[in-house]
PDB file of N, CA and C in Angstrom:
ATOM      1  N   MET A   1      94.987  94.357  78.293  1.00  0.00           N
ATOM      2  CA  MET A   1      94.442  94.067  77.775  1.00  0.00           C
ATOM      3  C   MET A   1      93.660  93.209  78.991  1.00  0.00           C
ATOM      4  N   ILE A   2      94.669  92.358  79.353  1.00  0.00           N
ATOM      5  CA  ILE A   2      94.662  91.229  80.670  1.00  0.00           C
ATOM      6  C   ILE A   2      94.144  91.974  81.932  1.00  0.00           C
ATOM      7  N   ASN A   3      95.072  93.082  82.706  1.00  0.00           N
ATOM      8  CA  ASN A   3      95.218  93.552  83.492  1.00  0.00           C
ATOM      9  C   ASN A   3      93.596  94.027  83.781  1.00  0.00           C
ATOM     10  N   LEU A   4      93.193  94.997  82.401  1.00  0.00           N
ATOM     11  CA  LEU A   4      91.268  95.468  82.445  1.00  0.00           C
ATOM     12  C   LEU A   4      90.446  94.488  82.433  1.00  0.00           C
ATOM     13  N   LYS A   5      90.703  93.444  81.958  1.00  0.00           N
ATOM     14  CA  LYS A   5      89.413  92.408  82.257  1.00  0.00           C
ATOM     15  C   LYS A   5      90.142  92.167  83.844  1.00  0.00           C
ATOM     16  N   ASN A   6      90.874  91.534  84.575  1.00  0.00           N
ATOM     17  CA  ASN A   6      91.036  91.448  85.884  1.00  0.00           C
ATOM     18  C   ASN A   6      90.448  92.442  86.842  1.00  0.00           C
ATOM     19  N   LYS A   7      90.928  93.731  86.681  1.00  0.00           N
ATOM     20  CA  LYS A   7      90.216  94.746  87.498  1.00  0.00           C
ATOM     21  C   LYS A   7      88.243  94.393  87.430  1.00  0.00           C
ATOM     22  N   LYS A   8      88.221  94.251  86.116  1.00  0.00           N
ATOM     23  CA  LYS A   8      86.158  94.438  85.952  1.00  0.00           C
ATOM     24  C   LYS A   8      86.129  93.175  86.718  1.00  0.00           C
ATOM     25  N   ILE A   9      86.344  91.961  86.766  1.00  0.00           N
ATOM     26  CA  ILE A   9      86.082  90.730  87.553  1.00  0.00           C
ATOM     27  C   ILE A   9      86.460  90.809  89.491  1.00  0.00           C
ATOM     28  N   TYR A  10      87.539  91.745  89.692  1.00  0.00           N
ATOM     29  CA  TYR A  10      87.428  91.585  90.963  1.00  0.00           C
ATOM     30  C   TYR A  10      86.706  92.963  91.480  1.00  0.00           C
ATOM     31  N   ILE A  11      86.221  93.778  90.557  1.00  0.00           N
ATOM     32  CA  ILE A  11      85.113  95.040  91.052  1.00  0.00           C
ATOM     33  C   ILE A  11      84.092  94.804  90.953  1.00  0.00           C
ATOM     34  N   PHE A  12      83.472  93.869  90.253  1.00  0.00           N
ATOM     35  CA  PHE A  12      82.201  93.003  90.522  1.00  0.00           C
ATOM     36  C   PHE A  12      82.300  92.269  91.192  1.00  0.00           C
ATOM     37  N   PHE A  13      83.017  91.084  91.957  1.00  0.00           N
ATOM     38  CA  PHE A  13      82.948  90.193  93.321  1.00  0.00           C
ATOM     39  C   PHE A  13      83.292  91.084  94.330  1.00  0.00           C
ATOM     40  N   ILE A  14      83.943  92.596  94.754  1.00  0.00           N
ATOM     41  CA  ILE A  14      83.593  93.224  95.394  1.00  0.00           C
ATOM     42  C   ILE A  14      81.918  93.900  95.348  1.00  0.00           C
ATOM     43  N   VAL A  15      81.665  94.511  94.614  1.00  0.00           N
ATOM     44  CA  VAL A  15      79.969  94.812  93.985  1.00  0.00           C
ATOM     45  C   VAL A  15      79.084  93.483  94.506  1.00  0.00           C
ATOM     46  N   VAL A  16      79.469  92.660  94.103  1.00  0.00           N
ATOM     47  CA  VAL A  16      78.342  91.273  94.625  1.00  0.00           C
ATOM     48  C   VAL A  16      78.885  90.822  96.612  1.00  0.00           C
ATOM     49  N   GLY A  17      80.025  91.032  96.672  1.00  0.00           N
ATOM     50  CA  GLY A  17      80.310  91.244  98.264  1.00  0.00           C
ATOM     51  C   GLY A  17      79.240  92.237  99.432  1.00  0.00           C
ATOM     52  N   ILE A  18      79.453  93.349  98.502  1.00  0.00           N
ATOM     53  CA  ILE A  18      78.789  94.696  99.865  1.00  0.00           C
ATOM     54  C   ILE A  18      77.464  93.961  99.558  1.00  0.00           C
ATOM     55  N   ILE A  19      76.937  93.591  98.535  1.00  0.00           N
ATOM     56  CA  ILE A  19      75.699  93.516  98.301  1.00  0.00           C
ATOM     57  C   ILE A  19      74.804  91.916  99.187  1.00  0.00           C
ATOM     58  N   GLN A  20      75.737  91.211  99.385  1.00  0.00           N
ATOM     59  CA  GLN A  20      75.607  90.110 100.095  1.00  0.00           C
ATOM     60  C   GLN A  20      75.447  90.389 101.571  1.00  0.00           C
ATOM     61  N   ILE A  21      77.102  91.052 101.935  1.00  0.00           N
ATOM     62  CA  ILE A  21      76.849  91.815 103.384  1.00  0.00           C
ATOM     63  C   ILE A  21      75.296  91.917 103.817  1.00  0.00           C
ATOM     64  N   PHE A  22      75.144  93.213 102.995  1.00  0.00           N
ATOM     65  CA  PHE A  22      73.795  94.062 102.959  1.00  0.00           C
ATOM     66  C   PHE A  22      72.676  93.071 103.759  1.00  0.00           C
ATOM     67  N   TYR A  23      72.172  92.014 102.440  1.00  0.00           N
ATOM     68  CA  TYR A  23      71.478  90.835 102.131  1.00  0.00           C
ATOM     69  C   TYR A  23      71.055  90.441 103.497  1.00  0.00           C
ATOM     70  N   TYR A  24      72.577  89.735 104.298  1.00  0.00           N
ATOM     71  CA  TYR A  24      72.820  89.024 104.962  1.00  0.00           C
ATOM     72  C   TYR A  24      72.467  89.858 107.143  1.00  0.00           C
ATOM     73  N   GLY A  25      72.268  91.027 106.780  1.00  0.00           N
ATOM     74  CA  GLY A  25      72.583  91.780 107.938  1.00  0.00           C
ATOM     75  C   GLY A  25      71.117  92.149 108.162  1.00  0.00           C
ATOM     76  N   VAL A  26      70.365  92.775 106.792  1.00  0.00           N
ATOM     77  CA  VAL A  26      69.455  93.364 107.000  1.00  0.00           C
ATOM     78  C   VAL A  26      68.368  92.202 106.791  1.00  0.00           C
ATOM     79  N   LYS A  27      68.079  90.755 105.514  1.00  0.00           N
ATOM     80  CA  LYS A  27      67.238  90.555 105.924  1.00  0.00           C
ATOM     81  C   LYS A  27      66.775  88.867 107.288  1.00  0.00           C
ATOM     82  N   ARG A  28      68.343  88.603 107.043  1.00  0.00           N
ATOM     83  CA  ARG A  28      68.482  86.938 107.755  1.00  0.00           C
ATOM     84  C   ARG A  28      68.805  87.515 109.014  1.00  0.00           C
ATOM     85  N   ASN A  29      68.893  88.512 109.720  1.00  0.00           N
ATOM     86  CA  ASN A  29      69.635  88.996 110.702  1.00  0.00           C
ATOM     87  C   ASN A  29      68.636  90.149 111.960  1.00  0.00           C
ATOM     88  N   ASP A  30      67.889  90.612 110.533  1.00  0.00           N
ATOM     89  CA  ASP A  30      66.446  91.143 111.420  1.00  0.00           C
ATOM     90  C   ASP A  30      67.869  92.638 111.729  1.00  0.00           C
ATOM     91  N   PHE A  31      68.181  93.079 111.456  1.00  0.00           N
ATOM     92  CA  PHE A  31      69.342  94.069 111.630  1.00  0.00           C
ATOM     93  C   PHE A  31      68.753  95.286 111.077  1.00  0.00           C
ATOM     94  N   ARG A  32      68.750  96.799 112.076  1.00  0.00           N
ATOM     95  CA  ARG A  32      68.007  97.784 111.677  1.00  0.00           C
ATOM     96  C   ARG A  32      68.620  98.604 111.105  1.00  0.00           C
ATOM     97  N   ILE A  33      69.004  99.745 110.321  1.00  0.00           N
ATOM     98  CA  ILE A  33      69.801 100.496 110.415  1.00  0.00           C
ATOM     99  C   ILE A  33      69.138 101.547 111.263  1.00  0.00           C
ATOM    100  N   GLU A  34      68.006 101.741 111.770  1.00  0.00           N
ATOM    101  CA  GLU A  34      66.932 102.929 112.203  1.00  0.00           C
ATOM    102  C   GLU A  34      68.148 103.084 113.901  1.00  0.00           C
ATOM    103  N   ILE A  35      68.690 101.377 114.317  1.00  0.00           N
ATOM    104  CA  ILE A  35      69.455 101.513 115.528  1.00  0.00           C
ATOM    105  C   ILE A  35      70.810 102.362 114.969  1.00  0.00           C
ATOM    106  N   LEU A  36      71.430 102.307 114.177  1.00  0.00           N
ATOM    107  CA  LEU A  36      72.718 103.136 114.181  1.00  0.00           C
ATOM    108  C   LEU A  36      72.216 104.536 113.686  1.00  0.00           C
ATOM    109  N   LYS A  37      71.198 105.276 113.862  1.00  0.00           N
ATOM    110  CA  LYS A  37      70.912 106.732 113.455  1.00  0.00           C
ATOM    111  C   LYS A  37      71.253 107.482 115.050  1.00  0.00           C
ATOM    112  N   ASN A  38      70.886 106.666 116.195  1.00  0.00           N
ATOM    113  CA  ASN A  38      70.623 107.715 117.431  1.00  0.00           C
ATOM    114  C   ASN A  38      71.476 106.519 118.545  1.00  0.00           C
ATOM    115  N   PRO A  39      72.382 106.236 118.453  1.00  0.00           N
ATOM    116  CA  PRO A  39      72.692 105.395 119.448  1.00  0.00           C
ATOM    117  C   PRO A  39      72.676 105.667 120.491  1.00  0.00           C
ATOM    118  N   PHE A  40      72.843 106.765 121.135  1.00  0.00           N
ATOM    119  CA  PHE A  40      73.537 107.349 122.099  1.00  0.00           C
ATOM    120  C   PHE A  40      72.849 108.309 123.594  1.00  0.00           C
ATOM    121  N   GLN A  41      71.889 108.206 122.605  1.00  0.00           N
ATOM    122  CA  GLN A  41      70.305 108.921 123.144  1.00  0.00           C
ATOM    123  C   GLN A  41      69.856 107.635 124.059  1.00  0.00           C
ATOM    124  N   ASN A  42      68.730 107.675 125.404  1.00  0.00           N
ATOM    125  CA  ASN A  42      68.845 107.199 126.532  1.00  0.00           C
ATOM    126  C   ASN A  42      67.373 106.101 125.611  1.00  0.00           C
ATOM    127  N   ASN A  43      67.509 104.823 126.181  1.00  0.00           N
ATOM    128  CA  ASN A  43      66.799 103.825 125.624  1.00  0.00           C
ATOM    129  C   ASN A  43      66.533 104.055 124.304  1.00  0.00           C
ATOM    130  N   SER A  44      67.320 104.428 123.371  1.00  0.00           N
ATOM    131  CA  SER A  44      67.171 103.794 122.183  1.00  0.00           C
ATOM    132  C   SER A  44      66.922 103.252 121.291  1.00  0.00           C
ATOM    133  N   HIS A  45      65.638 102.609 120.730  1.00  0.00           N
ATOM    134  CA  HIS A  45      64.923 102.092 119.772  1.00  0.00           C
ATOM    135  C   HIS A  45      65.463 100.380 120.902  1.00  0.00           C
ATOM    136  N   ILE A  46      64.588 100.775 122.387  1.00  0.00           N
ATOM    137  CA  ILE A  46      64.636  99.829 123.131  1.00  0.00           C
ATOM    138  C   ILE A  46      63.421  98.596 122.691  1.00  0.00           C
ATOM    139  N   ASN A  47      62.500  99.083 121.108  1.00  0.00           N
ATOM    140  CA  ASN A  47      61.460  98.230 120.758  1.00  0.00           C
ATOM    141  C   ASN A  47      62.063  97.231 120.064  1.00  0.00           C
ATOM    142  N   TYR A  48      63.321  97.686 119.454  1.00  0.00           N
ATOM    143  CA  TYR A  48      64.237  96.516 118.773  1.00  0.00           C
ATOM    144  C   TYR A  48      64.700  95.696 119.535  1.00  0.00           C
ATOM    145  N   SER A  49      64.959  95.707 120.562  1.00  0.00           N
ATOM    146  CA  SER A  49      65.478  94.394 121.110  1.00  0.00           C
ATOM    147  C   SER A  49      64.979  93.772 122.655  1.00  0.00           C
ATOM    148  N   LEU A  50      63.528  94.654 122.760  1.00  0.00           N
ATOM    149  CA  LEU A  50      63.274  94.380 124.020  1.00  0.00           C
ATOM    150  C   LEU A  50      62.085  93.979 124.013  1.00  0.00           C
ATOM    151  N   PRO A  51      61.210  92.684 124.659  1.00  0.00           N
ATOM    152  CA  PRO A  51      59.676  92.227 124.475  1.00  0.00           C
ATOM    153  C   PRO A  51      58.971  93.482 125.164  1.00  0.00           C
ATOM    154  N   LYS A  52      57.692  93.568 124.711  1.00  0.00           N
ATOM    155  CA  LYS A  52      56.860  94.653 125.009  1.00  0.00           C
ATOM    156  C   LYS A  52      56.209  94.163 126.472  1.00  0.00           C
ATOM    157  N   LYS A  53      56.119  93.166 127.191  1.00  0.00           N
ATOM    158  CA  LYS A  53      56.082  93.240 128.569  1.00  0.00           C
ATOM    159  C   LYS A  53      56.809  93.840 129.179  1.00  0.00           C
ATOM    160  N   ILE A  54      58.599  93.245 128.560  1.00  0.00           N
ATOM    161  CA  ILE A  54      59.524  94.429 129.552  1.00  0.00           C
ATOM    162  C   ILE A  54      59.617  95.540 129.914  1.00  0.00           C
ATOM    163  N   ILE A  55      59.213  96.051 128.420  1.00  0.00           N
ATOM    164  CA  ILE A  55      59.132  97.472 128.244  1.00  0.00           C
ATOM    165  C   ILE A  55      57.976  97.979 128.696  1.00  0.00           C
ATOM    166  N   GLU A  56      57.050  97.066 128.984  1.00  0.00           N
ATOM    167  CA  GLU A  56      55.659  97.849 129.784  1.00  0.00           C
ATOM    168  C   GLU A  56      56.050  97.892 131.380  1.00  0.00           C
ATOM    169  N   SER A  57      56.682  96.460 132.010  1.00  0.00           N
ATOM    170  CA  SER A  57      57.243  96.155 133.023  1.00  0.00           C
ATOM    171  C   SER A  57      57.746  98.144 133.657  1.00  0.00           C
ATOM    172  N   ASN A  58      59.044  98.106 133.166  1.00  0.00           N
ATOM    173  CA  ASN A  58      59.191  99.375 133.353  1.00  0.00           C
ATOM    174  C   ASN A  58      58.761 100.931 133.297  1.00  0.00           C
ATOM    175  N   ASN A  59      57.390 100.643 132.461  1.00  0.00           N
ATOM    176  CA  ASN A  59      57.090 102.182 132.373  1.00  0.00           C
ATOM    177  C   ASN A  59      56.414 101.956 133.582  1.00  0.00           C
ATOM    178  N   ILE A  60      55.399 101.497 133.982  1.00  0.00           N
ATOM    179  CA  ILE A  60      54.272 100.975 135.153  1.00  0.00           C
ATOM    180  C   ILE A  60      55.145 101.251 136.037  1.00  0.00           C
ATOM    181  N   LEU A  61      56.784 100.433 136.547  1.00  0.00           N
ATOM    182  CA  LEU A  61      57.076 100.870 137.828  1.00  0.00           C
ATOM    183  C   LEU A  61      57.504 102.196 138.001  1.00  0.00           C
ATOM    184  N   LYS A  62      58.154 102.703 136.670  1.00  0.00           N
ATOM    185  CA  LYS A  62      58.535 104.257 137.184  1.00  0.00           C
ATOM    186  C   LYS A  62      57.250 105.317 137.260  1.00  0.00           C
ATOM    187  N   SER A  63      56.252 104.719 136.246  1.00  0.00           N
ATOM    188  CA  SER A  63      55.271 105.444 136.549  1.00  0.00           C
ATOM    189  C   SER A  63      54.789 105.793 138.048  1.00  0.00           C
ATOM    190  N   GLU A  64      54.401 104.488 138.624  1.00  0.00           N
ATOM    191  CA  GLU A  64      53.952 104.823 139.781  1.00  0.00           C
ATOM    192  C   GLU A  64      55.151 104.912 141.282  1.00  0.00           C
ATOM    193  N   ASN A  65      56.499 105.351 140.755  1.00  0.00           N
ATOM    194  CA  ASN A  65      57.278 105.867 141.867  1.00  0.00           C
ATOM    195  C   ASN A  65      57.538 104.678 142.661  1.00  0.00           C
ATOM    196  N   ILE A  66      57.254 102.740 141.982  1.00  0.00           N
ATOM    197  CA  ILE A  66      57.843 101.869 143.168  1.00  0.00           C
ATOM    198  C   ILE A  66      59.050 101.819 142.676  1.00  0.00           C
ATOM    199  N   LYS A  67      60.235 101.671 144.154  1.00  0.00           N
ATOM    200  CA  LYS A  67      61.468 101.260 143.895  1.00  0.00           C
ATOM    201  C   LYS A  67      61.795  99.772 144.677  1.00  0.00           C
ATOM    202  N   LYS A  68      61.099  99.195 145.057  1.00  0.00           N
ATOM    203  CA  LYS A  68      61.338  97.875 145.443  1.00  0.00           C
ATOM    204  C   LYS A  68      59.692  96.884 144.775  1.00  0.00           C
ATOM    205  N   PHE A  69      60.161  95.981 143.881  1.00  0.00           N
ATOM    206  CA  PHE A  69      59.011  95.610 143.567  1.00  0.00           C
ATOM    207  C   PHE A  69      59.315  93.707 143.168  1.00  0.00           C
ATOM    208  N   ASN A  70      58.199  92.641 143.252  1.00  0.00           N
ATOM    209  CA  ASN A  70      58.097  91.762 143.440  1.00  0.00           C
ATOM    210  C   ASN A  70      57.384  91.360 141.533  1.00  0.00           C
ATOM    211  N   LEU A  71      57.485  90.032 141.437  1.00  0.00           N
ATOM    212  CA  LEU A  71      56.854  89.157 140.831  1.00  0.00           C
ATOM    213  C   LEU A  71      55.974  88.239 140.279  1.00  0.00           C
ATOM    214  N   SER A  72      54.834  87.865 140.008  1.00  0.00           N
ATOM    215  CA  SER A  72      54.377  86.612 140.428  1.00  0.00           C
ATOM    216  C   SER A  72      54.880  85.394 139.850  1.00  0.00           C
ATOM    217  N   LYS A  73      54.533  84.145 140.424  1.00  0.00           N
ATOM    218  CA  LYS A  73      54.589  83.458 140.017  1.00  0.00           C
ATOM    219  C   LYS A  73      54.801  82.555 138.512  1.00  0.00           C
ATOM    220  N   ARG A  74      53.968  83.357 138.076  1.00  0.00           N
ATOM    221  CA  ARG A  74      53.757  82.220 136.834  1.00  0.00           C
ATOM    222  C   ARG A  74      55.342  83.578 135.991  1.00  0.00           C
ATOM    223  N   LEU A  75      55.119  84.629 136.378  1.00  0.00           N
ATOM    224  CA  LEU A  75      56.806  85.910 135.911  1.00  0.00           C
ATOM    225  C   LEU A  75      57.869  85.238 136.215  1.00  0.00           C
ATOM    226  N   LYS A  76      57.883  84.638 137.081  1.00  0.00           N
ATOM    227  CA  LYS A  76      59.333  83.892 137.938  1.00  0.00           C
ATOM    228  C   LYS A  76      59.260  82.785 137.060  1.00  0.00           C
ATOM    229  N   GLU A  77      58.219  81.801 136.934  1.00  0.00           N
ATOM    230  CA  GLU A  77      58.690  80.839 136.344  1.00  0.00           C
ATOM    231  C   GLU A  77      59.225  80.578 134.700  1.00  0.00           C
ATOM    232  N   ASP A  78      59.042  81.704 134.096  1.00  0.00           N
ATOM    233  CA  ASP A  78      59.575  82.102 132.333  1.00  0.00           C
ATOM    234  C   ASP A  78      60.846  82.290 132.863  1.00  0.00           C
ATOM    235  N   MET A  79      62.015  81.804 133.210  1.00  0.00           N
ATOM    236  CA  MET A  79      63.266  82.426 133.173  1.00  0.00           C
ATOM    237  C   MET A  79      63.901  83.368 132.125  1.00  0.00           C
ATOM    238  N   PHE A  80      63.010  83.686 130.709  1.00  0.00           N
ATOM    239  CA  PHE A  80      63.990  84.971 129.988  1.00  0.00           C
ATOM    240  C   PHE A  80      63.142  85.658 130.651  1.00  0.00           C
ATOM    241  N   THR A  81      61.426  86.232 130.980  1.00  0.00           N
ATOM    242  CA  THR A  81      61.136  87.519 131.249  1.00  0.00           C
ATOM    243  C   THR A  81      61.455  87.910 132.786  1.00  0.00           C
ATOM    244  N   PHE A  82      61.622  86.648 133.375  1.00  0.00           N
ATOM    245  CA  PHE A  82      62.190  87.061 134.805  1.00  0.00           C
ATOM    246  C   PHE A  82      63.277  87.796 134.882  1.00  0.00           C
ATOM    247  N   GLN A  83      64.096  87.569 134.210  1.00  0.00           N
ATOM    248  CA  GLN A  83      66.000  87.730 133.620  1.00  0.00           C
ATOM    249  C   GLN A  83      66.075  89.097 133.146  1.00  0.00           C
ATOM    250  N   ARG A  84      64.576  89.433 132.157  1.00  0.00           N
ATOM    251  CA  ARG A  84      65.398  90.674 131.505  1.00  0.00           C
ATOM    252  C   ARG A  84      63.751  91.853 132.514  1.00  0.00           C
ATOM    253  N   ILE A  85      63.343  91.498 132.778  1.00  0.00           N
ATOM    254  CA  ILE A  85      62.702  92.150 133.776  1.00  0.00           C
ATOM    255  C   ILE A  85      63.427  92.772 134.659  1.00  0.00           C
ATOM    256  N   ILE A  86      64.114  92.047 135.310  1.00  0.00           N
ATOM    257  CA  ILE A  86      65.005  92.343 136.426  1.00  0.00           C
ATOM    258  C   ILE A  86      66.331  93.335 135.893  1.00  0.00           C
ATOM    259  N   GLU A  87      66.350  92.968 135.111  1.00  0.00           N
ATOM    260  CA  GLU A  87      67.863  93.655 134.573  1.00  0.00           C
ATOM    261  C   GLU A  87      67.169  95.221 133.573  1.00  0.00           C
ATOM    262  N   PHE A  88      66.464  94.990 132.892  1.00  0.00           N
ATOM    263  CA  PHE A  88      66.076  96.446 132.157  1.00  0.00           C
ATOM    264  C   PHE A  88      65.522  97.532 133.451  1.00  0.00           C
ATOM    265  N   ASN A  89      64.962  96.610 134.737  1.00  0.00           N
ATOM    266  CA  ASN A  89      64.233  97.709 135.752  1.00  0.00           C
ATOM    267  C   ASN A  89      65.144  98.471 136.767  1.00  0.00           C
ATOM    268  N   TYR A  90      66.611  97.860 136.623  1.00  0.00           N
ATOM    269  CA  TYR A  90      67.492  98.255 137.602  1.00  0.00           C
ATOM    270  C   TYR A  90      67.805  99.651 137.297  1.00  0.00           C
ATOM    271  N   PRO A  91      67.809 100.631 138.546  1.00  0.00           N
ATOM    272  CA  PRO A  91      68.170 100.569 139.836  1.00  0.00           C
ATOM    273  C   PRO A  91      66.575 100.055 140.915  1.00  0.00           C
ATOM    274  N   LEU A  92      65.582  99.611 140.179  1.00  0.00           N
ATOM    275  CA  LEU A  92      64.255  99.272 140.932  1.00  0.00           C
ATOM    276  C   LEU A  92      64.924  97.977 141.352  1.00  0.00           C
ATOM    277  N   ARG A  93      64.847  97.245 142.466  1.00  0.00           N
ATOM    278  CA  ARG A  93      64.900  96.443 142.853  1.00  0.00           C
ATOM    279  C   ARG A  93      63.756  95.046 143.269  1.00  0.00           C
ATOM    280  N   PHE A  94      64.674  94.210 142.406  1.00  0.00           N
ATOM    281  CA  PHE A  94      63.421  92.896 142.974  1.00  0.00           C
ATOM    282  C   PHE A  94      63.660  92.864 144.177  1.00  0.00           C
ATOM    283  N   GLU A  95      62.545  92.240 145.004  1.00  0.00           N
ATOM    284  CA  GLU A  95      62.511  91.766 146.587  1.00  0.00           C
ATOM    285  C   GLU A  95      61.148  90.601 146.547  1.00  0.00           C
ATOM    286  N   GLU A  96      61.640  89.866 146.635  1.00  0.00           N
ATOM    287  CA  GLU A  96      60.325  88.170 147.484  1.00  0.00           C
ATOM    288  C   GLU A  96      59.526  89.482 148.161  1.00  0.00           C
ATOM    289  N   ARG A  97      59.810  89.795 149.563  1.00  0.00           N
ATOM    290  CA  ARG A  97      59.010  90.707 150.348  1.00  0.00           C
ATOM    291  C   ARG A  97      58.319  91.829 149.857  1.00  0.00           C
ATOM    292  N   SER A  98      58.135  92.675 149.049  1.00  0.00           N
ATOM    293  CA  SER A  98      58.310  93.516 148.620  1.00  0.00           C
ATOM    294  C   SER A  98      56.072  93.080 148.800  1.00  0.00           C
ATOM    295  N   LYS A  99      55.592  94.441 148.406  1.00  0.00           N
ATOM    296  CA  LYS A  99      53.966  93.921 148.661  1.00  0.00           C
ATOM    297  C   LYS A  99      53.212  94.711 147.393  1.00  0.00           C
ATOM    298  N   PHE A 100      54.103  95.335 146.255  1.00  0.00           N
ATOM    299  CA  PHE A 100      54.104  95.847 145.344  1.00  0.00           C
ATOM    300  C   PHE A 100      54.239  94.317 144.621  1.00  0.00           C
ATOM    301  N   THR A 101      53.411  93.546 143.695  1.00  0.00           N
ATOM    302  CA  THR A 101      53.663  92.838 142.923  1.00  0.00           C
ATOM    303  C   THR A 101      53.178  92.360 141.405  1.00  0.00           C
ATOM    304  N   LEU A 102      54.548  92.726 140.372  1.00  0.00           N
ATOM    305  CA  LEU A 102      53.768  92.457 139.020  1.00  0.00           C
ATOM    306  C   LEU A 102      53.093  91.428 138.395  1.00  0.00           C
ATOM    307  N   PHE A 103      52.330  91.425 137.773  1.00  0.00           N
ATOM    308  CA  PHE A 103      51.021  90.138 137.673  1.00  0.00           C
ATOM    309  C   PHE A 103      51.146  90.321 135.541  1.00  0.00           C
ATOM    310  N   ASP A 104      50.906  89.042 135.315  1.00  0.00           N
ATOM    311  CA  ASP A 104      50.451  89.412 133.612  1.00  0.00           C
ATOM    312  C   ASP A 104      48.745  89.311 134.042  1.00  0.00           C
ATOM    313  N   LEU A 105      48.231  90.294 132.883  1.00  0.00           N
ATOM    314  CA  LEU A 105      47.429  90.514 132.839  1.00  0.00           C
ATOM    315  C   LEU A 105      45.934  89.472 132.863  1.00  0.00           C
ATOM    316  N   GLY A 106      45.021  89.533 133.256  1.00  0.00           N
ATOM    317  CA  GLY A 106      44.062  88.761 133.982  1.00  0.00           C
ATOM    318  C   GLY A 106      44.265  87.483 134.990  1.00  0.00           C
ATOM    319  N   GLU A 107      45.439  87.484 135.612  1.00  0.00           N
ATOM    320  CA  GLU A 107      46.186  86.321 136.413  1.00  0.00           C
ATOM    321  C   GLU A 107      44.743  86.876 137.343  1.00  0.00           C
ATOM    322  N   LYS A 108      44.956  86.090 138.152  1.00  0.00           N
ATOM    323  CA  LYS A 108      43.253  85.510 139.507  1.00  0.00           C
ATOM    324  C   LYS A 108      44.422  85.586 140.816  1.00  0.00           C
ATOM    325  N   ASN A 109      43.690  86.742 141.429  1.00  0.00           N
ATOM    326  CA  ASN A 109      44.549  86.773 142.751  1.00  0.00           C
ATOM    327  C   ASN A 109      43.622  88.086 143.711  1.00  0.00           C
ATOM    328  N   ASP A 110      44.349  88.268 145.118  1.00  0.00           N
ATOM    329  CA  ASP A 110      43.132  89.099 145.861  1.00  0.00           C
ATOM    330  C   ASP A 110      43.879  90.469 146.221  1.00  0.00           C
ATOM    331  N   CYS A 111      44.449  90.962 145.173  1.00  0.00           N
ATOM    332  CA  CYS A 111      45.144  91.652 145.636  1.00  0.00           C
ATOM    333  C   CYS A 111      44.752  92.848 144.434  1.00  0.00           C
ATOM    334  N   GLU A 112      45.084  94.378 145.278  1.00  0.00           N
ATOM    335  CA  GLU A 112      44.392  95.449 145.191  1.00  0.00           C
ATOM    336  C   GLU A 112      45.285  95.709 143.978  1.00  0.00           C
ATOM    337  N   ILE A 113      44.657  96.318 142.141  1.00  0.00           N
ATOM    338  CA  ILE A 113      45.183  96.602 141.605  1.00  0.00           C
ATOM    339  C   ILE A 113      45.522  97.862 141.316  1.00  0.00           C
ATOM    340  N   ILE A 114      46.737  98.432 141.633  1.00  0.00           N
ATOM    341  CA  ILE A 114      47.180  99.725 140.823  1.00  0.00           C
ATOM    342  C   ILE A 114      47.351 100.528 139.967  1.00  0.00           C
ATOM    343  N   LYS A 115      47.875  99.656 139.099  1.00  0.00           N
ATOM    344  CA  LYS A 115      47.531 100.303 137.800  1.00  0.00           C
ATOM    345  C   LYS A 115      47.381  98.934 136.540  1.00  0.00           C
ATOM    346  N   SER A 116      47.039  99.077 136.115  1.00  0.00           N
ATOM    347  CA  SER A 116      46.626  98.203 134.511  1.00  0.00           C
ATOM    348  C   SER A 116      47.580  98.755 133.762  1.00  0.00           C
ATOM    349  N   GLY A 117      48.559  97.476 132.768  1.00  0.00           N
ATOM    350  CA  GLY A 117      48.640  98.216 131.377  1.00  0.00           C
ATOM    351  C   GLY A 117      48.273  96.868 130.008  1.00  0.00           C
ATOM    352  N   LYS A 118      49.011  96.249 128.597  1.00  0.00           N
ATOM    353  CA  LYS A 118      48.189  96.328 128.199  1.00  0.00           C
ATOM    354  C   LYS A 118      48.334  94.428 128.269  1.00  0.00           C
ATOM    355  N   LEU A 119      49.686  94.811 129.044  1.00  0.00           N
ATOM    356  CA  LEU A 119      50.263  93.336 128.786  1.00  0.00           C
ATOM    357  C   LEU A 119      50.902  92.548 130.731  1.00  0.00           C
ATOM    358  N   LEU A 120      50.306  93.702 131.566  1.00  0.00           N
ATOM    359  CA  LEU A 120      51.046  93.567 132.813  1.00  0.00           C
ATOM    360  C   LEU A 120      50.027  93.950 133.686  1.00  0.00           C
ATOM    361  N   GLU A 121      49.700  93.773 135.354  1.00  0.00           N
ATOM    362  CA  GLU A 121      49.479  95.003 136.239  1.00  0.00           C
ATOM    363  C   GLU A 121      50.248  94.842 137.708  1.00  0.00           C
ATOM    364  N   LEU A 122      50.063  96.092 137.800  1.00  0.00           N
ATOM    365  CA  LEU A 122      50.966  96.126 139.157  1.00  0.00           C
ATOM    366  C   LEU A 122      49.916  96.213 140.432  1.00  0.00           C
ATOM    367  N   LYS A 123      49.695  95.392 141.237  1.00  0.00           N
ATOM    368  CA  LYS A 123      49.452  94.957 142.398  1.00  0.00           C
ATOM    369  C   LYS A 123      49.502  95.164 143.956  1.00  0.00           C
ATOM    370  N   LYS A 124      49.148  95.858 144.434  1.00  0.00           N
ATOM    371  CA  LYS A 124      49.337  95.782 146.270  1.00  0.00           C
ATOM    372  C   LYS A 124      48.724  94.856 146.916  1.00  0.00           C
ATOM    373  N   CYS A 125      49.678  93.800 147.252  1.00  0.00           N
ATOM    374  CA  CYS A 125      49.218  92.439 148.549  1.00  0.00           C
ATOM    375  C   CYS A 125      49.668  92.540 149.456  1.00  0.00           C
ATOM    376  N   GLN A 126      49.196  91.915 150.229  1.00  0.00           N
ATOM    377  CA  GLN A 126      49.354  92.127 151.837  1.00  0.00           C
ATOM    378  C   GLN A 126      50.151  91.083 152.314  1.00  0.00           C
TER     379      GLN A 126
END
């Protein structure tokens, strides 16, 4: 009789522990089960891990077949965005002397607009 009571308590705590693990994983850490569904596909679920600005920079540079690019002063000052753009766009190269520059949408300058997105613009500067 004591043995059966101990098993029920043991099972109860296991169930509560599993529920707590799911609670912390989903509610507190923004963990998404969708990420585990297709983990080996190219660029699977990048929208859960990267800001839209970083993803858009990659889309613009690849659509225009740009191999070397520069970033505007405003984008360089934001170290988080600067680092992520360079890392995510590899093997495309960041080069200060490149004539193709990414700007935040609405940044004023005298460069020719090559392509505009929702958050960024690619411009050709002389």
